[in-house]
PDB file of N, CA and C in Angstrom:
ATOM      1  N   MET A   1       6.051  18.140   9.967  1.00  0.00           N
ATOM      2  CA  MET A   1       5.741  17.722   8.558  1.00  0.00           C
ATOM      3  C   MET A   1       4.202  17.775   8.366  1.00  0.00           C
ATOM      4  N   SER A   2       3.674  18.397   7.447  1.00  0.00           N
ATOM      5  CA  SER A   2       2.352  18.794   7.135  1.00  0.00           C
ATOM      6  C   SER A   2       1.576  17.541   6.675  1.00  0.00           C
ATOM      7  N   GLU A   3       0.228  17.400   6.879  1.00  0.00           N
ATOM      8  CA  GLU A   3      -0.516  16.238   6.573  1.00  0.00           C
ATOM      9  C   GLU A   3      -0.441  16.065   4.952  1.00  0.00           C
ATOM     10  N   GLU A   4      -0.198  17.033   4.112  1.00  0.00           N
ATOM     11  CA  GLU A   4      -0.185  16.834   2.819  1.00  0.00           C
ATOM     12  C   GLU A   4       1.152  16.135   2.361  1.00  0.00           C
ATOM     13  N   LYS A   5       2.154  16.202   3.110  1.00  0.00           N
ATOM     14  CA  LYS A   5       3.606  15.583   2.830  1.00  0.00           C
ATOM     15  C   LYS A   5       3.634  14.271   3.739  1.00  0.00           C
ATOM     16  N   ARG A   6       2.840  14.005   4.421  1.00  0.00           N
ATOM     17  CA  ARG A   6       2.599  12.613   5.076  1.00  0.00           C
ATOM     18  C   ARG A   6       1.666  11.568   4.248  1.00  0.00           C
ATOM     19  N   PRO A   7       1.943  11.047   3.275  1.00  0.00           N
ATOM     20  CA  PRO A   7       0.745  10.040   2.643  1.00  0.00           C
ATOM     21  C   PRO A   7       0.298   9.014   3.539  1.00  0.00           C
ATOM     22  N   LEU A   8      -0.919   8.883   3.398  1.00  0.00           N
ATOM     23  CA  LEU A   8      -1.601   7.962   4.357  1.00  0.00           C
ATOM     24  C   LEU A   8      -1.420   6.475   3.435  1.00  0.00           C
ATOM     25  N   VAL A   9      -0.902   5.573   3.860  1.00  0.00           N
ATOM     26  CA  VAL A   9      -0.921   4.391   3.237  1.00  0.00           C
ATOM     27  C   VAL A   9      -1.658   3.325   4.113  1.00  0.00           C
ATOM     28  N   VAL A  10      -2.722   2.673   3.428  1.00  0.00           N
ATOM     29  CA  VAL A  10      -3.466   1.528   3.880  1.00  0.00           C
ATOM     30  C   VAL A  10      -2.892   0.276   3.548  1.00  0.00           C
ATOM     31  N   ILE A  11      -2.908  -0.457   4.489  1.00  0.00           N
ATOM     32  CA  ILE A  11      -2.356  -1.865   4.300  1.00  0.00           C
ATOM     33  C   ILE A  11      -3.227  -2.735   4.844  1.00  0.00           C
ATOM     34  N   GLY A  12      -3.530  -3.922   3.765  1.00  0.00           N
ATOM     35  CA  GLY A  12      -4.520  -4.999   4.015  1.00  0.00           C
ATOM     36  C   GLY A  12      -3.652  -6.238   3.848  1.00  0.00           C
ATOM     37  N   HIS A  13      -3.765  -7.156   4.824  1.00  0.00           N
ATOM     38  CA  HIS A  13      -2.903  -8.205   4.900  1.00  0.00           C
ATOM     39  C   HIS A  13      -3.777  -9.594   4.896  1.00  0.00           C
ATOM     40  N   ARG A  14      -3.796 -10.484   4.135  1.00  0.00           N
ATOM     41  CA  ARG A  14      -4.709 -11.578   4.254  1.00  0.00           C
ATOM     42  C   ARG A  14      -4.907 -12.239   5.730  1.00  0.00           C
ATOM     43  N   LEU A  15      -3.592 -12.295   6.223  1.00  0.00           N
ATOM     44  CA  LEU A  15      -3.583 -12.882   7.460  1.00  0.00           C
ATOM     45  C   LEU A  15      -3.461 -12.027   8.515  1.00  0.00           C
ATOM     46  N   GLY A  16      -3.939 -10.783   8.499  1.00  0.00           N
ATOM     47  CA  GLY A  16      -4.029  -9.649   9.789  1.00  0.00           C
ATOM     48  C   GLY A  16      -2.645  -9.174   9.948  1.00  0.00           C
ATOM     49  N   LYS A  17      -1.623  -9.143   9.103  1.00  0.00           N
ATOM     50  CA  LYS A  17      -0.465  -8.770   9.461  1.00  0.00           C
ATOM     51  C   LYS A  17      -0.076  -7.292   8.897  1.00  0.00           C
ATOM     52  N   GLY A  18       1.096  -6.885   8.559  1.00  0.00           N
ATOM     53  CA  GLY A  18       1.240  -5.633   8.169  1.00  0.00           C
ATOM     54  C   GLY A  18       2.189  -4.529   8.677  1.00  0.00           C
ATOM     55  N   GLN A  19       2.375  -5.223  10.217  1.00  0.00           N
ATOM     56  CA  GLN A  19       3.005  -4.021  11.162  1.00  0.00           C
ATOM     57  C   GLN A  19       4.406  -3.837  10.608  1.00  0.00           C
ATOM     58  N   ALA A  20       5.081  -4.624   9.931  1.00  0.00           N
ATOM     59  CA  ALA A  20       6.478  -4.320   9.637  1.00  0.00           C
ATOM     60  C   ALA A  20       6.603  -3.151   8.490  1.00  0.00           C
ATOM     61  N   VAL A  21       5.583  -3.269   7.555  1.00  0.00           N
ATOM     62  CA  VAL A  21       5.282  -2.451   6.323  1.00  0.00           C
ATOM     63  C   VAL A  21       5.103  -0.965   7.036  1.00  0.00           C
ATOM     64  N   ALA A  22       4.005  -0.951   7.974  1.00  0.00           N
ATOM     65  CA  ALA A  22       3.589   0.189   8.627  1.00  0.00           C
ATOM     66  C   ALA A  22       4.752   0.949   9.290  1.00  0.00           C
ATOM     67  N   ARG A  23       5.754   0.002   9.936  1.00  0.00           N
ATOM     68  CA  ARG A  23       6.828   0.749  10.618  1.00  0.00           C
ATOM     69  C   ARG A  23       7.775   1.624   9.508  1.00  0.00           C
ATOM     70  N   GLY A  24       7.962   0.850   8.445  1.00  0.00           N
ATOM     71  CA  GLY A  24       8.814   1.312   7.558  1.00  0.00           C
ATOM     72  C   GLY A  24       8.148   2.760   6.742  1.00  0.00           C
ATOM     73  N   VAL A  25       6.725   2.796   6.608  1.00  0.00           N
ATOM     74  CA  VAL A  25       5.858   4.008   6.125  1.00  0.00           C
ATOM     75  C   VAL A  25       6.171   4.997   7.192  1.00  0.00           C
ATOM     76  N   GLU A  26       6.102   4.541   8.294  1.00  0.00           N
ATOM     77  CA  GLU A  26       6.286   5.881   9.418  1.00  0.00           C
ATOM     78  C   GLU A  26       7.722   6.230   9.513  1.00  0.00           C
ATOM     79  N   LYS A  27       8.679   5.411   9.345  1.00  0.00           N
ATOM     80  CA  LYS A  27       9.758   5.618   9.203  1.00  0.00           C
ATOM     81  C   LYS A  27      10.220   6.678   8.169  1.00  0.00           C
ATOM     82  N   ALA A  28       9.571   6.395   7.086  1.00  0.00           N
ATOM     83  CA  ALA A  28      10.004   7.329   5.831  1.00  0.00           C
ATOM     84  C   ALA A  28       9.083   8.552   5.813  1.00  0.00           C
ATOM     85  N   GLY A  29       8.303   8.881   7.046  1.00  0.00           N
ATOM     86  CA  GLY A  29       7.627  10.079   7.145  1.00  0.00           C
ATOM     87  C   GLY A  29       6.290   9.909   6.495  1.00  0.00           C
ATOM     88  N   GLY A  30       5.562   8.723   6.170  1.00  0.00           N
ATOM     89  CA  GLY A  30       4.377   8.662   5.928  1.00  0.00           C
ATOM     90  C   GLY A  30       3.418   8.323   7.046  1.00  0.00           C
ATOM     91  N   THR A  31       2.005   8.132   6.932  1.00  0.00           N
ATOM     92  CA  THR A  31       1.337   7.579   7.843  1.00  0.00           C
ATOM     93  C   THR A  31       0.665   6.392   7.408  1.00  0.00           C
ATOM     94  N   ALA A  32       0.677   5.362   8.525  1.00  0.00           N
ATOM     95  CA  ALA A  32       0.398   3.986   7.963  1.00  0.00           C
ATOM     96  C   ALA A  32      -1.138   3.550   8.802  1.00  0.00           C
ATOM     97  N   TYR A  33      -1.998   2.837   8.119  1.00  0.00           N
ATOM     98  CA  TYR A  33      -3.119   2.437   8.532  1.00  0.00           C
ATOM     99  C   TYR A  33      -3.192   1.017   8.305  1.00  0.00           C
ATOM    100  N   VAL A  34      -3.032   0.023   9.243  1.00  0.00           N
ATOM    101  CA  VAL A  34      -3.132  -1.435   9.301  1.00  0.00           C
ATOM    102  C   VAL A  34      -4.627  -1.955   9.340  1.00  0.00           C
ATOM    103  N   ILE A  35      -5.224  -2.266   8.377  1.00  0.00           N
ATOM    104  CA  ILE A  35      -6.906  -2.917   8.516  1.00  0.00           C
ATOM    105  C   ILE A  35      -6.525  -4.119   9.650  1.00  0.00           C
ATOM    106  N   PRO A  36      -7.358  -4.087  10.437  1.00  0.00           N
ATOM    107  CA  PRO A  36      -7.184  -5.178  11.386  1.00  0.00           C
ATOM    108  C   PRO A  36      -8.078  -6.424  10.813  1.00  0.00           C
ATOM    109  N   GLY A  37      -7.436  -7.613  11.360  1.00  0.00           N
ATOM    110  CA  GLY A  37      -8.280  -8.864  11.211  1.00  0.00           C
ATOM    111  C   GLY A  37      -7.850  -9.565  10.180  1.00  0.00           C
ATOM    112  N   MET A  38      -8.197 -10.800   9.987  1.00  0.00           N
ATOM    113  CA  MET A  38      -8.051 -11.650   8.861  1.00  0.00           C
ATOM    114  C   MET A  38      -8.783 -11.188   7.550  1.00  0.00           C
ATOM    115  N   ALA A  39      -8.148 -11.498   6.445  1.00  0.00           N
ATOM    116  CA  ALA A  39      -8.825 -10.996   4.998  1.00  0.00           C
ATOM    117  C   ALA A  39      -8.936  -9.812   4.884  1.00  0.00           C
ATOM    118  N   ALA A  40      -8.061  -8.814   5.702  1.00  0.00           N
ATOM    119  CA  ALA A  40      -8.016  -7.486   5.546  1.00  0.00           C
ATOM    120  C   ALA A  40      -7.917  -6.924   4.163  1.00  0.00           C
ATOM    121  N   ASP A  41      -7.108  -7.823   3.509  1.00  0.00           N
ATOM    122  CA  ASP A  41      -6.903  -7.493   2.010  1.00  0.00           C
ATOM    123  C   ASP A  41      -8.171  -7.068   1.225  1.00  0.00           C
ATOM    124  N   MET A  42      -9.121  -7.749   1.434  1.00  0.00           N
ATOM    125  CA  MET A  42     -10.287  -7.605   0.761  1.00  0.00           C
ATOM    126  C   MET A  42     -11.170  -6.541   0.910  1.00  0.00           C
ATOM    127  N   LYS A  43     -10.631  -5.796   1.986  1.00  0.00           N
ATOM    128  CA  LYS A  43     -11.426  -4.386   2.477  1.00  0.00           C
ATOM    129  C   LYS A  43     -10.594  -3.362   2.073  1.00  0.00           C
ATOM    130  N   LEU A  44      -9.495  -3.468   1.544  1.00  0.00           N
ATOM    131  CA  LEU A  44      -8.661  -2.376   1.171  1.00  0.00           C
ATOM    132  C   LEU A  44      -9.204  -1.305   0.538  1.00  0.00           C
ATOM    133  N   GLY A  45      -9.828  -1.455  -0.633  1.00  0.00           N
ATOM    134  CA  GLY A  45     -10.320  -0.360  -1.398  1.00  0.00           C
ATOM    135  C   GLY A  45     -11.532   0.548  -0.489  1.00  0.00           C
ATOM    136  N   ASP A  46     -12.433  -0.159   0.083  1.00  0.00           N
ATOM    137  CA  ASP A  46     -13.281   0.626   0.813  1.00  0.00           C
ATOM    138  C   ASP A  46     -12.751   1.369   2.256  1.00  0.00           C
ATOM    139  N   VAL A  47     -11.753   0.825   2.578  1.00  0.00           N
ATOM    140  CA  VAL A  47     -10.872   1.437   3.948  1.00  0.00           C
ATOM    141  C   VAL A  47     -10.086   2.625   3.113  1.00  0.00           C
ATOM    142  N   MET A  48      -9.421   2.504   1.993  1.00  0.00           N
ATOM    143  CA  MET A  48      -8.660   3.641   1.451  1.00  0.00           C
ATOM    144  C   MET A  48      -9.618   4.808   0.706  1.00  0.00           C
ATOM    145  N   ASN A  49     -10.884   4.371   0.353  1.00  0.00           N
ATOM    146  CA  ASN A  49     -11.781   5.318   0.150  1.00  0.00           C
ATOM    147  C   ASN A  49     -12.256   6.187   1.325  1.00  0.00           C
ATOM    148  N   GLU A  50     -12.647   5.566   2.258  1.00  0.00           N
ATOM    149  CA  GLU A  50     -13.195   6.009   3.489  1.00  0.00           C
ATOM    150  C   GLU A  50     -12.150   7.012   4.272  1.00  0.00           C
ATOM    151  N   LYS A  51     -10.831   6.661   4.192  1.00  0.00           N
ATOM    152  CA  LYS A  51      -9.763   7.413   4.679  1.00  0.00           C
ATOM    153  C   LYS A  51      -9.066   8.338   3.840  1.00  0.00           C
ATOM    154  N   GLY A  52      -9.526   8.451   2.514  1.00  0.00           N
ATOM    155  CA  GLY A  52      -9.008   9.215   1.562  1.00  0.00           C
ATOM    156  C   GLY A  52      -7.281   9.029   1.455  1.00  0.00           C
ATOM    157  N   ALA A  53      -6.993   7.769   1.260  1.00  0.00           N
ATOM    158  CA  ALA A  53      -5.521   7.225   1.350  1.00  0.00           C
ATOM    159  C   ALA A  53      -4.731   7.689   0.048  1.00  0.00           C
ATOM    160  N   ALA A  54      -3.598   7.885   0.110  1.00  0.00           N
ATOM    161  CA  ALA A  54      -2.706   8.332  -1.096  1.00  0.00           C
ATOM    162  C   ALA A  54      -2.309   6.842  -1.676  1.00  0.00           C
ATOM    163  N   LEU A  55      -2.196   5.711  -0.998  1.00  0.00           N
ATOM    164  CA  LEU A  55      -1.594   4.494  -1.518  1.00  0.00           C
ATOM    165  C   LEU A  55      -2.214   3.299  -0.842  1.00  0.00           C
ATOM    166  N   GLY A  56      -2.427   2.280  -1.342  1.00  0.00           N
ATOM    167  CA  GLY A  56      -2.754   1.130  -0.674  1.00  0.00           C
ATOM    168  C   GLY A  56      -1.972  -0.098  -0.942  1.00  0.00           C
ATOM    169  N   VAL A  57      -1.798  -0.985  -0.070  1.00  0.00           N
ATOM    170  CA  VAL A  57      -0.881  -2.257  -0.026  1.00  0.00           C
ATOM    171  C   VAL A  57      -1.796  -3.395   0.314  1.00  0.00           C
ATOM    172  N   SER A  58      -1.739  -4.488  -0.589  1.00  0.00           N
ATOM    173  CA  SER A  58      -2.642  -5.775  -0.514  1.00  0.00           C
ATOM    174  C   SER A  58      -1.566  -6.796  -0.401  1.00  0.00           C
ATOM    175  N   PHE A  59      -1.810  -7.546   0.748  1.00  0.00           N
ATOM    176  CA  PHE A  59      -1.113  -9.084   0.753  1.00  0.00           C
ATOM    177  C   PHE A  59      -1.918 -10.064   0.627  1.00  0.00           C
ATOM    178  N   CYS A  60      -1.504 -11.070  -0.170  1.00  0.00           N
ATOM    179  CA  CYS A  60      -1.958 -12.422  -0.212  1.00  0.00           C
ATOM    180  C   CYS A  60      -1.145 -13.300  -0.865  1.00  0.00           C
ATOM    181  N   GLY A  61      -1.516 -14.764  -0.746  1.00  0.00           N
ATOM    182  CA  GLY A  61      -0.572 -15.500  -1.301  1.00  0.00           C
ATOM    183  C   GLY A  61      -0.296 -15.388  -2.921  1.00  0.00           C
ATOM    184  N   SER A  62      -1.524 -14.871  -3.502  1.00  0.00           N
ATOM    185  CA  SER A  62      -1.639 -14.787  -4.864  1.00  0.00           C
ATOM    186  C   SER A  62      -0.868 -13.402  -5.496  1.00  0.00           C
ATOM    187  N   GLY A  63      -0.970 -12.477  -4.250  1.00  0.00           N
ATOM    188  CA  GLY A  63      -0.092 -11.199  -4.728  1.00  0.00           C
ATOM    189  C   GLY A  63      -0.992 -10.199  -5.164  1.00  0.00           C
ATOM    190  N   GLY A  64      -2.179 -10.195  -4.611  1.00  0.00           N
ATOM    191  CA  GLY A  64      -3.085  -8.994  -4.810  1.00  0.00           C
ATOM    192  C   GLY A  64      -4.578  -9.187  -5.109  1.00  0.00           C
ATOM    193  N   ALA A  65      -5.031 -10.050  -4.450  1.00  0.00           N
ATOM    194  CA  ALA A  65      -6.708 -10.091  -4.902  1.00  0.00           C
ATOM    195  C   ALA A  65      -7.266  -8.787  -4.407  1.00  0.00           C
ATOM    196  N   GLY A  66      -6.751  -8.147  -3.237  1.00  0.00           N
ATOM    197  CA  GLY A  66      -7.476  -7.000  -2.714  1.00  0.00           C
ATOM    198  C   GLY A  66      -7.044  -5.718  -3.589  1.00  0.00           C
ATOM    199  N   ALA A  67      -5.908  -5.903  -4.077  1.00  0.00           N
ATOM    200  CA  ALA A  67      -5.566  -4.785  -5.001  1.00  0.00           C
ATOM    201  C   ALA A  67      -6.590  -4.757  -6.250  1.00  0.00           C
ATOM    202  N   LEU A  68      -6.799  -5.816  -6.919  1.00  0.00           N
ATOM    203  CA  LEU A  68      -7.700  -5.956  -8.204  1.00  0.00           C
ATOM    204  C   LEU A  68      -9.028  -5.691  -7.634  1.00  0.00           C
ATOM    205  N   THR A  69      -9.495  -5.988  -6.436  1.00  0.00           N
ATOM    206  CA  THR A  69     -10.980  -5.592  -6.057  1.00  0.00           C
ATOM    207  C   THR A  69     -10.939  -4.096  -5.891  1.00  0.00           C
ATOM    208  N   ALA A  70      -9.885  -3.462  -5.366  1.00  0.00           N
ATOM    209  CA  ALA A  70     -10.007  -2.014  -5.140  1.00  0.00           C
ATOM    210  C   ALA A  70     -10.022  -1.451  -6.607  1.00  0.00           C
ATOM    211  N   HIS A  71      -9.209  -1.842  -7.408  1.00  0.00           N
ATOM    212  CA  HIS A  71      -9.107  -1.258  -8.881  1.00  0.00           C
ATOM    213  C   HIS A  71     -10.460  -1.532  -9.479  1.00  0.00           C
ATOM    214  N   THR A  72     -11.091  -2.738  -9.431  1.00  0.00           N
ATOM    215  CA  THR A  72     -12.441  -2.973 -10.259  1.00  0.00           C
ATOM    216  C   THR A  72     -13.430  -1.977  -9.407  1.00  0.00           C
ATOM    217  N   LYS A  73     -13.585  -1.767  -7.990  1.00  0.00           N
ATOM    218  CA  LYS A  73     -14.669  -1.080  -7.350  1.00  0.00           C
ATOM    219  C   LYS A  73     -14.555   0.255  -7.647  1.00  0.00           C
ATOM    220  N   TYR A  74     -13.306   1.045  -7.508  1.00  0.00           N
ATOM    221  CA  TYR A  74     -12.851   2.361  -7.587  1.00  0.00           C
ATOM    222  C   TYR A  74     -12.127   2.806  -8.614  1.00  0.00           C
ATOM    223  N   GLY A  75     -11.509   2.144  -9.282  1.00  0.00           N
ATOM    224  CA  GLY A  75     -10.945   2.491 -10.739  1.00  0.00           C
ATOM    225  C   GLY A  75      -9.635   2.951 -10.626  1.00  0.00           C
ATOM    226  N   TRP A  76      -9.046   2.743  -9.479  1.00  0.00           N
ATOM    227  CA  TRP A  76      -7.682   3.378  -9.066  1.00  0.00           C
ATOM    228  C   TRP A  76      -6.459   2.607  -9.750  1.00  0.00           C
ATOM    229  N   PRO A  77      -5.348   3.400 -10.320  1.00  0.00           N
ATOM    230  CA  PRO A  77      -4.627   2.543 -11.125  1.00  0.00           C
ATOM    231  C   PRO A  77      -3.864   1.298 -10.103  1.00  0.00           C
ATOM    232  N   ALA A  78      -3.710   0.320 -10.439  1.00  0.00           N
ATOM    233  CA  ALA A  78      -3.329  -0.730  -9.544  1.00  0.00           C
ATOM    234  C   ALA A  78      -2.550  -1.853 -10.377  1.00  0.00           C
ATOM    235  N   VAL A  79      -1.654  -2.573  -9.688  1.00  0.00           N
ATOM    236  CA  VAL A  79      -0.913  -3.543 -10.116  1.00  0.00           C
ATOM    237  C   VAL A  79      -0.875  -4.709  -9.068  1.00  0.00           C
ATOM    238  N   SER A  80      -0.681  -5.924  -9.539  1.00  0.00           N
ATOM    239  CA  SER A  80      -0.618  -7.058  -8.641  1.00  0.00           C
ATOM    240  C   SER A  80       0.374  -8.145  -8.872  1.00  0.00           C
ATOM    241  N   GLU A  81       0.590  -9.143  -8.014  1.00  0.00           N
ATOM    242  CA  GLU A  81       1.603  -9.987  -8.288  1.00  0.00           C
ATOM    243  C   GLU A  81       3.003  -9.706  -8.235  1.00  0.00           C
ATOM    244  N   LEU A  82       3.203  -8.622  -7.524  1.00  0.00           N
ATOM    245  CA  LEU A  82       4.420  -8.111  -7.389  1.00  0.00           C
ATOM    246  C   LEU A  82       5.304  -8.865  -6.255  1.00  0.00           C
ATOM    247  N   ARG A  83       6.428  -9.196  -6.277  1.00  0.00           N
ATOM    248  CA  ARG A  83       7.259 -10.031  -5.495  1.00  0.00           C
ATOM    249  C   ARG A  83       8.509  -9.400  -4.885  1.00  0.00           C
ATOM    250  N   SER A  84       8.539  -8.119  -5.058  1.00  0.00           N
ATOM    251  CA  SER A  84       9.838  -7.500  -4.262  1.00  0.00           C
ATOM    252  C   SER A  84       9.710  -6.102  -4.011  1.00  0.00           C
ATOM    253  N   THR A  85      10.502  -5.191  -3.249  1.00  0.00           N
ATOM    254  CA  THR A  85      10.416  -4.131  -2.789  1.00  0.00           C
ATOM    255  C   THR A  85      10.648  -3.223  -4.032  1.00  0.00           C
ATOM    256  N   ASP A  86      11.569  -3.657  -4.853  1.00  0.00           N
ATOM    257  CA  ASP A  86      12.152  -2.825  -6.015  1.00  0.00           C
ATOM    258  C   ASP A  86      10.767  -2.701  -6.921  1.00  0.00           C
ATOM    259  N   ALA A  87      10.011  -3.801  -7.048  1.00  0.00           N
ATOM    260  CA  ALA A  87       8.850  -3.787  -7.977  1.00  0.00           C
ATOM    261  C   ALA A  87       7.812  -2.895  -7.544  1.00  0.00           C
ATOM    262  N   ALA A  88       7.433  -2.740  -6.290  1.00  0.00           N
ATOM    263  CA  ALA A  88       6.682  -1.942  -5.672  1.00  0.00           C
ATOM    264  C   ALA A  88       7.034  -0.485  -5.818  1.00  0.00           C
ATOM    265  N   TYR A  89       8.335  -0.180  -5.775  1.00  0.00           N
ATOM    266  CA  TYR A  89       8.800   0.969  -5.809  1.00  0.00           C
ATOM    267  C   TYR A  89       8.575   1.652  -7.275  1.00  0.00           C
ATOM    268  N   THR A  90       8.900   0.695  -8.292  1.00  0.00           N
ATOM    269  CA  THR A  90       8.604   0.838  -9.607  1.00  0.00           C
ATOM    270  C   THR A  90       7.163   1.238 -10.016  1.00  0.00           C
ATOM    271  N   ALA A  91       6.245   0.355  -9.191  1.00  0.00           N
ATOM    272  CA  ALA A  91       4.863   0.470  -9.653  1.00  0.00           C
ATOM    273  C   ALA A  91       4.277   1.819  -8.980  1.00  0.00           C
ATOM    274  N   VAL A  92       4.604   2.399  -7.918  1.00  0.00           N
ATOM    275  CA  VAL A  92       4.299   3.712  -7.362  1.00  0.00           C
ATOM    276  C   VAL A  92       4.800   4.868  -8.361  1.00  0.00           C
ATOM    277  N   LYS A  93       6.025   4.657  -8.736  1.00  0.00           N
ATOM    278  CA  LYS A  93       6.589   5.556  -9.758  1.00  0.00           C
ATOM    279  C   LYS A  93       5.853   5.729 -10.892  1.00  0.00           C
ATOM    280  N   GLU A  94       5.402   4.498 -11.239  1.00  0.00           N
ATOM    281  CA  GLU A  94       4.527   4.436 -12.535  1.00  0.00           C
ATOM    282  C   GLU A  94       3.120   4.961 -12.450  1.00  0.00           C
ATOM    283  N   GLY A  95       2.734   5.337 -11.249  1.00  0.00           N
ATOM    284  CA  GLY A  95       1.401   5.979 -11.017  1.00  0.00           C
ATOM    285  C   GLY A  95       0.546   5.253 -10.454  1.00  0.00           C
ATOM    286  N   ASN A  96       0.798   3.978  -9.942  1.00  0.00           N
ATOM    287  CA  ASN A  96      -0.207   3.063  -9.304  1.00  0.00           C
ATOM    288  C   ASN A  96      -0.618   3.686  -7.833  1.00  0.00           C
ATOM    289  N   LYS A  97      -1.843   3.584  -7.604  1.00  0.00           N
ATOM    290  CA  LYS A  97      -2.411   4.004  -6.351  1.00  0.00           C
ATOM    291  C   LYS A  97      -2.470   2.621  -5.384  1.00  0.00           C
ATOM    292  N   VAL A  98      -2.597   1.658  -5.945  1.00  0.00           N
ATOM    293  CA  VAL A  98      -2.770   0.176  -5.447  1.00  0.00           C
ATOM    294  C   VAL A  98      -1.957  -0.808  -5.666  1.00  0.00           C
ATOM    295  N   ILE A  99      -1.235  -1.351  -4.849  1.00  0.00           N
ATOM    296  CA  ILE A  99      -0.204  -2.507  -5.206  1.00  0.00           C
ATOM    297  C   ILE A  99      -0.516  -3.636  -4.577  1.00  0.00           C
ATOM    298  N   GLY A 100      -0.497  -4.764  -5.118  1.00  0.00           N
ATOM    299  CA  GLY A 100      -0.564  -6.038  -4.564  1.00  0.00           C
ATOM    300  C   GLY A 100       0.529  -6.973  -4.568  1.00  0.00           C
ATOM    301  N   LEU A 101       0.845  -7.520  -3.486  1.00  0.00           N
ATOM    302  CA  LEU A 101       2.176  -8.171  -3.308  1.00  0.00           C
ATOM    303  C   LEU A 101       1.994  -9.698  -2.676  1.00  0.00           C
ATOM    304  N   GLY A 102       2.707 -10.433  -2.717  1.00  0.00           N
ATOM    305  CA  GLY A 102       2.683 -11.629  -2.044  1.00  0.00           C
ATOM    306  C   GLY A 102       3.281 -11.558  -0.603  1.00  0.00           C
ATOM    307  N   PHE A 103       3.318 -12.349   0.294  1.00  0.00           N
ATOM    308  CA  PHE A 103       3.412 -11.948   1.601  1.00  0.00           C
ATOM    309  C   PHE A 103       5.066 -11.609   1.848  1.00  0.00           C
ATOM    310  N   LEU A 104       5.110 -10.081   1.794  1.00  0.00           N
ATOM    311  CA  LEU A 104       6.320  -9.314   2.037  1.00  0.00           C
ATOM    312  C   LEU A 104       6.068  -8.318   3.054  1.00  0.00           C
ATOM    313  N   ASP A 105       5.959  -8.880   4.037  1.00  0.00           N
ATOM    314  CA  ASP A 105       5.713  -7.766   5.413  1.00  0.00           C
ATOM    315  C   ASP A 105       7.012  -7.270   5.681  1.00  0.00           C
ATOM    316  N   VAL A 106       7.907  -6.369   5.242  1.00  0.00           N
ATOM    317  CA  VAL A 106       9.029  -6.120   5.587  1.00  0.00           C
ATOM    318  C   VAL A 106       9.227  -4.378   5.594  1.00  0.00           C
ATOM    319  N   GLU A 107      10.003  -3.747   6.581  1.00  0.00           N
ATOM    320  CA  GLU A 107       9.982  -2.197   6.598  1.00  0.00           C
ATOM    321  C   GLU A 107      10.536  -1.624   5.445  1.00  0.00           C
ATOM    322  N   GLU A 108      11.484  -2.281   4.463  1.00  0.00           N
ATOM    323  CA  GLU A 108      11.980  -1.695   3.469  1.00  0.00           C
ATOM    324  C   GLU A 108      10.568  -1.319   2.404  1.00  0.00           C
ATOM    325  N   LEU A 109       9.894  -2.134   2.394  1.00  0.00           N
ATOM    326  CA  LEU A 109       8.629  -1.711   1.501  1.00  0.00           C
ATOM    327  C   LEU A 109       7.942  -0.818   1.902  1.00  0.00           C
ATOM    328  N   GLY A 110       7.680  -0.340   3.048  1.00  0.00           N
ATOM    329  CA  GLY A 110       7.102   0.821   3.502  1.00  0.00           C
ATOM    330  C   GLY A 110       7.785   1.825   3.170  1.00  0.00           C
ATOM    331  N   GLU A 111       9.327   1.819   3.386  1.00  0.00           N
ATOM    332  CA  GLU A 111       9.992   3.098   2.991  1.00  0.00           C
ATOM    333  C   GLU A 111      10.027   3.316   1.520  1.00  0.00           C
ATOM    334  N   LYS A 112      10.266   2.331   0.729  1.00  0.00           N
ATOM    335  CA  LYS A 112      10.425   2.549  -0.685  1.00  0.00           C
ATOM    336  C   LYS A 112       9.111   3.223  -1.258  1.00  0.00           C
ATOM    337  N   ILE A 113       7.931   2.597  -0.782  1.00  0.00           N
ATOM    338  CA  ILE A 113       6.691   3.185  -1.711  1.00  0.00           C
ATOM    339  C   ILE A 113       6.504   4.585  -1.259  1.00  0.00           C
ATOM    340  N   VAL A 114       6.914   4.946   0.097  1.00  0.00           N
ATOM    341  CA  VAL A 114       6.655   6.381   0.410  1.00  0.00           C
ATOM    342  C   VAL A 114       7.759   7.172  -0.171  1.00  0.00           C
ATOM    343  N   GLN A 115       8.975   6.770  -0.306  1.00  0.00           N
ATOM    344  CA  GLN A 115       9.996   7.482  -1.047  1.00  0.00           C
ATOM    345  C   GLN A 115       9.549   7.550  -2.610  1.00  0.00           C
ATOM    346  N   ALA A 116       8.808   6.638  -3.044  1.00  0.00           N
ATOM    347  CA  ALA A 116       8.231   6.701  -4.618  1.00  0.00           C
ATOM    348  C   ALA A 116       7.347   7.577  -4.674  1.00  0.00           C
ATOM    349  N   TRP A 117       6.451   7.628  -3.780  1.00  0.00           N
ATOM    350  CA  TRP A 117       5.515   8.514  -3.707  1.00  0.00           C
ATOM    351  C   TRP A 117       5.508   9.917  -3.783  1.00  0.00           C
ATOM    352  N   ARG A 118       6.681  10.203  -2.930  1.00  0.00           N
ATOM    353  CA  ARG A 118       7.412  11.601  -2.849  1.00  0.00           C
ATOM    354  C   ARG A 118       7.816  12.110  -3.982  1.00  0.00           C
ATOM    355  N   GLU A 119       8.733  11.092  -4.712  1.00  0.00           N
ATOM    356  CA  GLU A 119       9.214  11.459  -5.773  1.00  0.00           C
ATOM    357  C   GLU A 119       8.217  11.817  -7.150  1.00  0.00           C
ATOM    358  N   THR A 120       7.069  11.037  -6.991  1.00  0.00           N
ATOM    359  CA  THR A 120       6.208  11.448  -8.092  1.00  0.00           C
ATOM    360  C   THR A 120       5.282  12.557  -7.772  1.00  0.00           C
ATOM    361  N   HIS A 121       5.348  13.099  -6.603  1.00  0.00           N
ATOM    362  CA  HIS A 121       4.549  14.100  -6.101  1.00  0.00           C
ATOM    363  C   HIS A 121       5.200  15.422  -5.630  1.00  0.00           C
ATOM    364  N   ASP A 122       6.578  15.603  -6.100  1.00  0.00           N
ATOM    365  CA  ASP A 122       7.518  16.715  -6.040  1.00  0.00           C
ATOM    366  C   ASP A 122       7.740  16.982  -4.513  1.00  0.00           C
ATOM    367  N   GLU A 123       7.673  16.010  -3.531  1.00  0.00           N
ATOM    368  CA  GLU A 123       7.598  16.217  -1.970  1.00  0.00           C
ATOM    369  C   GLU A 123       9.153  16.222  -1.654  1.00  0.00           C
TER     370      GLU A 123
END
């Protein structure tokens, strides 16, 4: 699969997690990068910009401080305070590049956002 068809998804988790979502992204044919360390969600926009990511996922208790920061700094379409994999899927389908969720580190989320990205990019 070519790199154009393997969307890069950057994951920033307040508590340094995100590995389950990364497994789902990879399972769905995307490329995942988990920002290491605590408060990684607040680095999301900068890392997405540096790596040229197709999508970014921010996790924190409030559901997206990192997503809002990325939106403010880079102007990318973003949505926050999501609480389900279906809501994340819909957000990507609606054209959001950055999504913010509560702590929802599950493989299904990674799979669904890559699926939604592919559907909106005719992949």
